[in-house]
Amino acid sequence: MLAAALLWAGCDRAPAGPGPVLTVREAPVDFTLMDDGIEPAADIEALIAPYRERLGEQLAEVLAHAAGEFGKDEPEGTLENLVADALLDVVQDLAADTVHVALLNDGGLRVPIAGGPILMRHAYELLPFENYVTVLSLSGSQLERLADEIALSGGEPIAGWTMELDGDDAVDVRVGGQAIDPALTYRLATVDYLADGGGTWTVLWEAAAQPREDLDVLIRDVFVAYLRERDAVAPTLDGRVRDANGPGTEGGGE
């Protein structure tokens, strides 16, 4: 009854029905400015201190060493290559059958990686989203259409296949060095965000509606596992995504 009366506060006419009517004329509000001038609560600090220390130790773990800076670029960047290679490499061991190619979205890679030690903290900064790995099955013709969609965005992180971008079209698309066979089925590793309607690649949405293999592993964990298996990683451009009208192996910076 009180809630109903409050809804009528300030109205000229009270609601019909029995019972008292409460009218609120003023509702004073006090604000407290939260800044670093407020002393922390000692009991709360004591409670969270062990967890903060443990988290700091975990984030400081050295996963591998970067022999140079990894950055994004179009149509191909060293950072894109590193993460896509990690996805394809690790998923080969996790999936139930052969995985031929990998694809991620450039926007999912949030920061570059500097030369020197790569820490667990860097993995979280690079891949902050809780995206799980999924494997989709595409026909050869679907894979060619997907390459054209990649061309529209100027290139994306891929592994296991190569292509030339001729404007909005992808040409000379190859898987493992071989021309795509429209009659074959290719298994593609990506993340659930892209398969389930994220991004702009409609071919992935089509493939996701068919039987797929969802893996219970995050893309970030895949990247961490890949780095832990290596002492060092080096920035590499290999021409997997090339501009058909210009040099395709220059760049690699932000």
Protein backbone atom coordinates (compact mmCIF):
# COMPACT_ATOMS: atom_id res chain seq x y z
CA MET A 1 0.00 0.00 0.00
CA LEU A 2 2.89 2.28 0.81
CA ALA A 3 4.49 1.69 -2.60
CA ALA A 4 1.20 2.50 -4.34
CA ALA A 5 0.82 5.67 -2.31
CA LEU A 6 4.34 6.78 -3.16
CA LEU A 7 3.56 6.45 -6.83
CA TRP A 8 0.83 9.01 -6.31
CA ALA A 9 3.03 11.45 -4.42
CA GLY A 10 2.54 14.98 -5.70
CA CYS A 11 -0.70 14.17 -7.54
CA ASP A 12 -3.83 16.24 -7.03
CA ARG A 13 -6.06 13.17 -6.88
CA ALA A 14 -5.50 10.24 -4.57
CA PRO A 15 -6.08 6.67 -5.82
CA ALA A 16 -9.48 5.16 -5.18
CA GLY A 17 -9.86 2.61 -2.42
CA PRO A 18 -9.72 2.41 1.35
CA GLY A 19 -6.70 3.14 3.46
CA PRO A 20 -4.51 6.12 4.25
CA VAL A 21 -2.66 8.00 1.54
CA LEU A 22 0.93 9.09 2.11
CA THR A 23 2.15 12.09 0.14
CA VAL A 24 5.88 12.77 -0.04
CA ARG A 25 6.71 16.46 -0.49
CA GLU A 26 10.48 16.27 -0.01
CA ALA A 27 13.05 13.52 -0.38
CA PRO A 28 16.44 14.81 0.83
CA VAL A 29 19.48 12.88 -0.41
CA ASP A 30 22.97 12.87 1.08
CA PHE A 31 25.98 12.10 -1.09
CA THR A 32 29.32 10.73 0.09
CA LEU A 33 32.32 11.43 -2.13
CA MET A 34 34.38 8.27 -2.59
CA ASP A 35 38.07 8.98 -3.18
CA ASP A 36 41.49 7.92 -1.92
CA GLY A 37 41.00 10.15 1.11
CA ILE A 38 38.80 7.50 2.70
CA GLU A 39 40.84 5.23 4.93
CA PRO A 40 40.54 1.52 4.10
CA ALA A 41 38.82 -0.69 6.62
CA ALA A 42 41.52 -2.65 8.40
CA ASP A 43 39.41 -5.78 8.85
CA ILE A 44 38.44 -5.89 5.16
CA GLU A 45 42.05 -5.31 4.08
CA ALA A 46 43.20 -8.17 6.30
CA LEU A 47 40.56 -10.43 4.77
CA ILE A 48 41.47 -9.81 1.12
CA ALA A 49 45.26 -9.42 1.50
CA PRO A 50 46.08 -13.15 1.05
CA TYR A 51 43.93 -13.34 -2.09
CA ARG A 52 45.49 -10.18 -3.53
CA GLU A 53 48.97 -11.56 -2.92
CA ARG A 54 48.13 -14.91 -4.49
CA LEU A 55 46.53 -13.24 -7.53
CA GLY A 56 49.57 -11.01 -7.93
CA GLU A 57 51.83 -14.06 -7.96
CA GLN A 58 49.68 -15.80 -10.56
CA LEU A 59 49.58 -12.77 -12.85
CA ALA A 60 53.36 -12.39 -12.57
CA GLU A 61 54.04 -15.88 -13.98
CA VAL A 62 56.38 -15.75 -16.99
CA LEU A 63 54.81 -17.77 -19.80
CA ALA A 64 57.47 -17.24 -22.47
CA HIS A 65 59.76 -14.55 -23.86
CA ALA A 66 58.98 -12.38 -26.87
CA ALA A 67 61.93 -11.89 -29.20
CA GLY A 68 60.39 -8.61 -30.38
CA GLU A 69 57.18 -6.62 -30.29
CA PHE A 70 53.95 -8.22 -31.52
CA GLY A 71 51.48 -5.73 -33.00
CA LYS A 72 48.39 -5.61 -35.19
CA ASP A 73 48.44 -4.54 -38.81
CA GLU A 74 46.50 -4.97 -42.06
CA PRO A 75 46.23 -7.19 -43.93
CA GLU A 76 48.53 -9.27 -41.67
CA GLY A 77 50.12 -8.52 -38.30
CA THR A 78 52.53 -10.35 -36.05
CA LEU A 79 50.10 -10.33 -33.12
CA GLU A 80 47.28 -11.78 -35.20
CA ASN A 81 49.60 -14.53 -36.47
CA LEU A 82 50.76 -15.44 -32.97
CA VAL A 83 47.28 -15.88 -31.49
CA ALA A 84 45.83 -17.64 -34.55
CA ASP A 85 48.78 -20.05 -34.63
CA ALA A 86 48.25 -20.74 -30.93
CA LEU A 87 44.59 -21.54 -31.52
CA LEU A 88 45.22 -23.94 -34.38
CA ASP A 89 48.17 -25.66 -32.68
CA VAL A 90 46.50 -26.33 -29.33
CA VAL A 91 43.08 -27.25 -30.72
CA GLN A 92 44.66 -29.96 -32.85
CA ASP A 93 45.34 -31.82 -29.58
CA LEU A 94 41.93 -31.09 -28.03
CA ALA A 95 39.50 -31.70 -30.88
CA ALA A 96 38.03 -35.06 -31.75
CA ASP A 97 39.22 -34.89 -35.37
CA THR A 98 41.56 -32.91 -37.60
CA VAL A 99 41.21 -29.14 -37.55
CA HIS A 100 42.33 -27.57 -40.82
CA VAL A 101 42.14 -23.82 -40.25
CA ALA A 102 41.62 -21.18 -37.57
CA LEU A 103 39.99 -17.75 -37.55
CA LEU A 104 39.65 -15.04 -34.90
CA ASN A 105 38.48 -11.44 -35.02
CA ASP A 106 41.02 -8.64 -34.96
CA GLY A 107 38.90 -6.68 -32.48
CA GLY A 108 39.22 -9.46 -29.90
CA LEU A 109 42.95 -8.78 -29.52
CA ARG A 110 43.06 -5.79 -27.21
CA VAL A 111 46.71 -4.84 -26.66
CA PRO A 112 50.12 -5.43 -28.29
CA ILE A 113 52.82 -7.53 -26.68
CA ALA A 114 56.17 -5.87 -26.01
CA GLY A 115 59.50 -7.62 -26.37
CA GLY A 116 60.72 -9.40 -23.26
CA PRO A 117 58.92 -11.62 -20.73
CA ILE A 118 55.27 -12.40 -21.52
CA LEU A 119 53.42 -12.59 -18.21
CA MET A 120 50.09 -14.13 -17.33
CA ARG A 121 48.88 -10.57 -16.83
CA HIS A 122 49.64 -9.83 -20.48
CA ALA A 123 47.49 -12.79 -21.57
CA TYR A 124 44.52 -11.37 -19.65
CA GLU A 125 45.10 -7.91 -21.09
CA LEU A 126 45.36 -9.26 -24.64
CA LEU A 127 42.37 -11.64 -24.40
CA PRO A 128 40.08 -10.28 -21.67
CA PHE A 129 36.84 -11.85 -22.90
CA GLU A 130 35.48 -15.19 -21.69
CA ASN A 131 35.19 -16.68 -25.18
CA TYR A 132 35.19 -20.45 -25.56
CA VAL A 133 36.71 -22.33 -28.48
CA THR A 134 34.43 -24.08 -30.95
CA VAL A 135 35.12 -26.09 -34.10
CA LEU A 136 32.79 -25.65 -37.07
CA SER A 137 32.48 -27.72 -40.24
CA LEU A 138 32.36 -25.75 -43.50
CA SER A 139 32.12 -26.89 -47.09
CA GLY A 140 34.77 -25.71 -49.49
CA SER A 141 32.36 -23.23 -51.04
CA GLN A 142 31.48 -21.86 -47.60
CA LEU A 143 35.16 -21.43 -46.78
CA GLU A 144 35.66 -19.46 -49.99
CA ARG A 145 32.70 -17.23 -49.07
CA LEU A 146 34.18 -16.76 -45.60
CA ALA A 147 37.45 -15.64 -47.21
CA ASP A 148 35.49 -12.99 -49.12
CA GLU A 149 33.94 -11.79 -45.85
CA ILE A 150 37.43 -11.54 -44.38
CA ALA A 151 38.49 -9.47 -47.39
CA LEU A 152 35.69 -7.00 -46.63
CA SER A 153 37.31 -6.25 -43.26
CA GLY A 154 40.81 -5.92 -44.69
CA GLY A 155 42.20 -9.11 -43.14
CA GLU A 156 41.77 -11.01 -39.88
CA PRO A 157 43.83 -13.40 -37.71
CA ILE A 158 43.99 -16.75 -39.53
CA ALA A 159 46.12 -19.88 -39.42
CA GLY A 160 46.33 -22.95 -41.64
CA TRP A 161 45.18 -21.13 -44.75
CA THR A 162 46.32 -18.28 -46.98
CA MET A 163 44.65 -15.77 -49.28
CA GLU A 164 45.17 -12.64 -51.34
CA LEU A 165 42.84 -9.70 -50.89
CA ASP A 166 41.81 -8.06 -54.13
CA GLY A 167 39.59 -5.24 -52.94
CA ASP A 168 36.49 -6.85 -51.42
CA ASP A 169 37.34 -10.29 -52.87
CA ALA A 170 39.67 -13.02 -51.65
CA VAL A 171 41.60 -14.81 -54.38
CA ASP A 172 44.05 -17.71 -54.44
CA VAL A 173 42.61 -19.08 -51.21
CA ARG A 174 44.52 -22.17 -50.10
CA VAL A 175 44.37 -24.58 -47.17
CA GLY A 176 47.68 -26.15 -46.28
CA GLY A 177 49.06 -24.89 -49.58
CA GLN A 178 46.34 -26.58 -51.63
CA ALA A 179 43.51 -24.88 -53.52
CA ILE A 180 40.14 -25.25 -51.82
CA ASP A 181 38.03 -28.17 -53.02
CA PRO A 182 34.35 -27.09 -52.98
CA ALA A 183 33.34 -30.73 -52.39
CA LEU A 184 35.43 -31.21 -49.24
CA THR A 185 34.53 -30.38 -45.66
CA TYR A 186 36.97 -28.24 -43.66
CA ARG A 187 37.02 -27.95 -39.88
CA LEU A 188 37.62 -24.43 -38.58
CA ALA A 189 38.57 -23.43 -35.04
CA THR A 190 37.14 -20.15 -33.79
CA VAL A 191 35.35 -18.80 -30.70
CA ASP A 192 31.73 -19.12 -29.67
CA TYR A 193 31.21 -15.35 -29.79
CA LEU A 194 31.72 -15.33 -33.56
CA ALA A 195 29.82 -18.57 -34.15
CA ASP A 196 26.81 -17.49 -32.10
CA GLY A 197 26.08 -14.22 -33.90
CA GLY A 198 28.92 -11.91 -32.94
CA GLY A 199 30.91 -10.10 -35.59
CA THR A 200 29.73 -9.86 -39.19
CA TRP A 201 30.66 -13.21 -40.70
CA THR A 202 27.37 -14.77 -41.74
CA VAL A 203 29.06 -17.93 -43.03
CA LEU A 204 30.08 -18.81 -39.48
CA TRP A 205 26.48 -18.40 -38.32
CA GLU A 206 25.34 -20.79 -41.04
CA ALA A 207 27.96 -23.37 -40.05
CA ALA A 208 27.13 -22.99 -36.36
CA ALA A 209 23.58 -24.13 -37.05
CA GLN A 210 25.00 -27.52 -38.10
CA PRO A 211 26.68 -30.08 -35.79
CA ARG A 212 29.70 -28.46 -34.14
CA GLU A 213 32.31 -29.35 -31.54
CA ASP A 214 32.27 -27.00 -28.56
CA LEU A 215 35.39 -27.27 -26.43
CA ASP A 216 35.38 -26.45 -22.73
CA VAL A 217 38.40 -24.18 -22.99
CA LEU A 218 38.77 -20.42 -23.25
CA ILE A 219 40.76 -18.83 -26.06
CA ARG A 220 42.93 -17.19 -23.38
CA ASP A 221 43.75 -20.58 -21.85
CA VAL A 222 44.67 -21.88 -25.30
CA PHE A 223 47.07 -18.96 -25.73
CA VAL A 224 48.60 -19.55 -22.28
CA ALA A 225 49.10 -23.27 -23.01
CA TYR A 226 50.79 -22.44 -26.33
CA LEU A 227 53.23 -20.05 -24.69
CA ARG A 228 54.06 -22.40 -21.83
CA GLU A 229 55.23 -24.99 -24.35
CA ARG A 230 57.82 -22.55 -25.74
CA ASP A 231 60.80 -20.76 -24.28
CA ALA A 232 60.47 -17.90 -26.77
CA VAL A 233 58.28 -16.66 -29.62
CA ALA A 234 59.40 -14.38 -32.44
CA PRO A 235 57.27 -11.89 -34.43
CA THR A 236 56.68 -13.42 -37.85
CA LEU A 237 54.99 -12.33 -41.06
CA ASP A 238 54.68 -15.10 -43.64
CA GLY A 239 52.28 -13.66 -46.22
CA ARG A 240 49.27 -15.71 -45.13
CA VAL A 241 47.08 -12.67 -45.87
CA ARG A 242 48.42 -10.61 -48.74
CA ASP A 243 47.31 -7.54 -50.64
CA ALA A 244 46.96 -8.63 -54.27
CA ASN A 245 47.79 -5.09 -55.38
CA GLY A 246 50.81 -4.45 -53.19
CA PRO A 247 53.44 -5.96 -50.88
CA GLY A 248 51.93 -8.29 -48.30
CA THR A 249 54.80 -8.91 -45.93
CA GLU A 250 55.52 -5.42 -44.65
CA GLY A 251 54.26 -3.94 -41.41
CA GLY A 252 53.54 -5.70 -38.17
CA GLY A 253 53.33 -2.65 -35.92
CA GLU A 254 50.37 -1.06 -34.25
